[in-house]
Amino acid sequence: DRLFKMSGNLAAWIRFCRGTSPLVPASNIKNLRVRVCKPLKFAWIADGLRHTFATFHYAKHHSLEELRHVMGNSPAIIERFYRGTIGEDQVEGFWSILPPAESTPPPSHPDAGAPS
């Protein structure tokens, strides 16, 4: 169990997508990822989203202890994997990714909540 302060852009995306599908799919999450990535010809990196979040979180907050709490890693692991060199413009850009202001939420995915 980990509680953390949600970033403003994450809250905006949750509001934007509310009601379109479950925030965490009930089942078949692996196959959903494969089906989404395949037509995009997107090379999936294992734990890529987690690593990206951790790297940008550390770059913004400069707190091993805060990131350790959110991620559940030891400070040594955080130092080893997530303490990268990122330009301030990249950090600011990452934390500014917001949904379109005057757009409708994405449609519900047909497989959302479908049994595996």
Protein backbone atom coordinates (compact mmCIF):
# COMPACT_ATOMS: atom_id res chain seq x y z
CA ASP A 1 0.00 0.00 0.00
CA ARG A 2 1.45 3.31 -1.10
CA LEU A 3 -0.21 6.68 -1.00
CA PHE A 4 1.34 9.55 -2.90
CA LYS A 5 0.46 13.03 -4.02
CA MET A 6 -0.98 12.80 -7.51
CA SER A 7 0.48 15.19 -10.08
CA GLY A 8 -1.82 17.73 -11.70
CA ASN A 9 -1.40 16.25 -15.16
CA LEU A 10 -2.29 12.73 -13.93
CA ALA A 11 -5.44 14.11 -12.30
CA ALA A 12 -6.32 15.86 -15.59
CA TRP A 13 -5.94 12.61 -17.55
CA ILE A 14 -8.06 10.68 -15.05
CA ARG A 15 -10.82 13.31 -15.30
CA PHE A 16 -10.53 13.23 -19.11
CA CYS A 17 -10.84 9.44 -19.30
CA ARG A 18 -13.32 8.95 -16.45
CA GLY A 19 -16.12 6.63 -17.46
CA THR A 20 -14.60 5.48 -20.77
CA SER A 21 -13.11 2.26 -19.40
CA PRO A 22 -11.74 0.97 -16.11
CA LEU A 23 -8.58 2.76 -14.97
CA VAL A 24 -7.09 -0.66 -14.29
CA PRO A 25 -8.44 -3.37 -16.61
CA ALA A 26 -9.98 -6.28 -14.73
CA SER A 27 -8.27 -8.93 -16.84
CA ASN A 28 -6.35 -9.69 -20.02
CA ILE A 29 -3.99 -6.76 -19.49
CA LYS A 30 -1.01 -8.43 -21.24
CA ASN A 31 -2.96 -9.21 -24.39
CA LEU A 32 -4.48 -5.73 -24.42
CA ARG A 33 -0.98 -4.22 -24.43
CA VAL A 34 0.03 -6.47 -27.33
CA ARG A 35 -3.11 -5.60 -29.33
CA VAL A 36 -2.61 -1.88 -28.76
CA CYS A 37 1.10 -1.85 -29.63
CA LYS A 38 1.07 -4.18 -32.64
CA PRO A 39 -0.74 -1.89 -35.13
CA LEU A 40 1.38 1.04 -33.94
CA LYS A 41 4.57 -0.92 -34.63
CA PHE A 42 5.60 0.18 -31.14
CA ALA A 43 8.51 -1.64 -29.55
CA TRP A 44 7.40 -2.25 -25.98
CA ILE A 45 10.09 -1.92 -23.33
CA ALA A 46 9.51 -4.01 -20.22
CA ASP A 47 8.69 -1.64 -17.34
CA GLY A 48 9.34 1.28 -19.69
CA LEU A 49 6.45 3.35 -18.33
CA ARG A 50 7.54 2.71 -14.74
CA HIS A 51 11.16 3.61 -15.51
CA THR A 52 10.13 6.75 -17.37
CA PHE A 53 7.94 7.90 -14.49
CA ALA A 54 10.69 7.21 -11.95
CA THR A 55 13.36 9.03 -13.95
CA PHE A 56 11.21 12.12 -14.46
CA HIS A 57 9.92 12.07 -10.88
CA TYR A 58 13.46 12.06 -9.53
CA ALA A 59 14.53 14.77 -11.98
CA LYS A 60 11.68 17.00 -10.82
CA HIS A 61 11.73 16.39 -7.06
CA HIS A 62 15.37 15.37 -6.41
CA SER A 63 14.25 13.19 -3.51
CA LEU A 64 15.43 9.62 -3.19
CA GLU A 65 13.21 9.10 -0.16
CA GLU A 66 10.04 10.36 -1.85
CA LEU A 67 10.63 8.25 -4.95
CA ARG A 68 11.54 5.24 -2.81
CA HIS A 69 8.19 5.60 -1.07
CA VAL A 70 6.22 5.85 -4.33
CA MET A 71 8.10 3.10 -6.19
CA GLY A 72 8.92 0.70 -3.38
CA ASN A 73 12.59 0.51 -4.36
CA SER A 74 15.65 0.96 -2.19
CA PRO A 75 17.63 4.20 -2.52
CA ALA A 76 20.49 2.17 -4.07
CA ILE A 77 18.22 0.91 -6.88
CA ILE A 78 16.86 4.40 -7.48
CA GLU A 79 20.39 5.82 -7.65
CA ARG A 80 21.45 3.07 -10.04
CA PHE A 81 18.53 3.12 -12.49
CA TYR A 82 16.57 6.36 -12.21
CA ARG A 83 19.07 9.11 -11.48
CA GLY A 84 19.69 10.07 -15.09
CA THR A 85 20.63 13.32 -16.69
CA ILE A 86 17.60 14.95 -18.23
CA GLY A 87 17.37 18.52 -19.45
CA GLU A 88 15.07 20.90 -17.57
CA ASP A 89 13.04 21.44 -20.76
CA GLN A 90 12.40 17.67 -20.96
CA VAL A 91 11.38 17.53 -17.29
CA GLU A 92 9.01 20.46 -17.70
CA GLY A 93 7.61 18.99 -20.93
CA PHE A 94 6.94 15.58 -19.34
CA TRP A 95 5.02 17.02 -16.41
CA SER A 96 3.05 19.28 -18.78
CA ILE A 97 1.55 16.49 -20.92
CA LEU A 98 -2.18 17.16 -20.72
CA PRO A 99 -5.26 15.90 -22.54
CA PRO A 100 -6.71 18.10 -25.28
CA ALA A 101 -8.65 20.95 -23.69
CA GLU A 102 -11.58 21.03 -26.06
CA SER A 103 -11.78 17.37 -26.97
CA THR A 104 -14.07 14.51 -26.11
CA PRO A 105 -12.70 11.62 -24.03
CA PRO A 106 -11.45 8.58 -25.90
CA PRO A 107 -14.07 5.91 -26.62
CA SER A 108 -14.28 2.94 -24.33
CA HIS A 109 -12.01 0.14 -25.52
CA PRO A 110 -14.10 -2.87 -26.66
CA ASP A 111 -11.96 -5.24 -24.59
CA ALA A 112 -12.11 -3.18 -21.39
CA GLY A 113 -13.14 -5.48 -18.60
CA ALA A 114 -13.61 -8.45 -20.94
CA PRO A 115 -12.74 -11.83 -19.43
CA SER A 116 -9.42 -13.33 -20.47
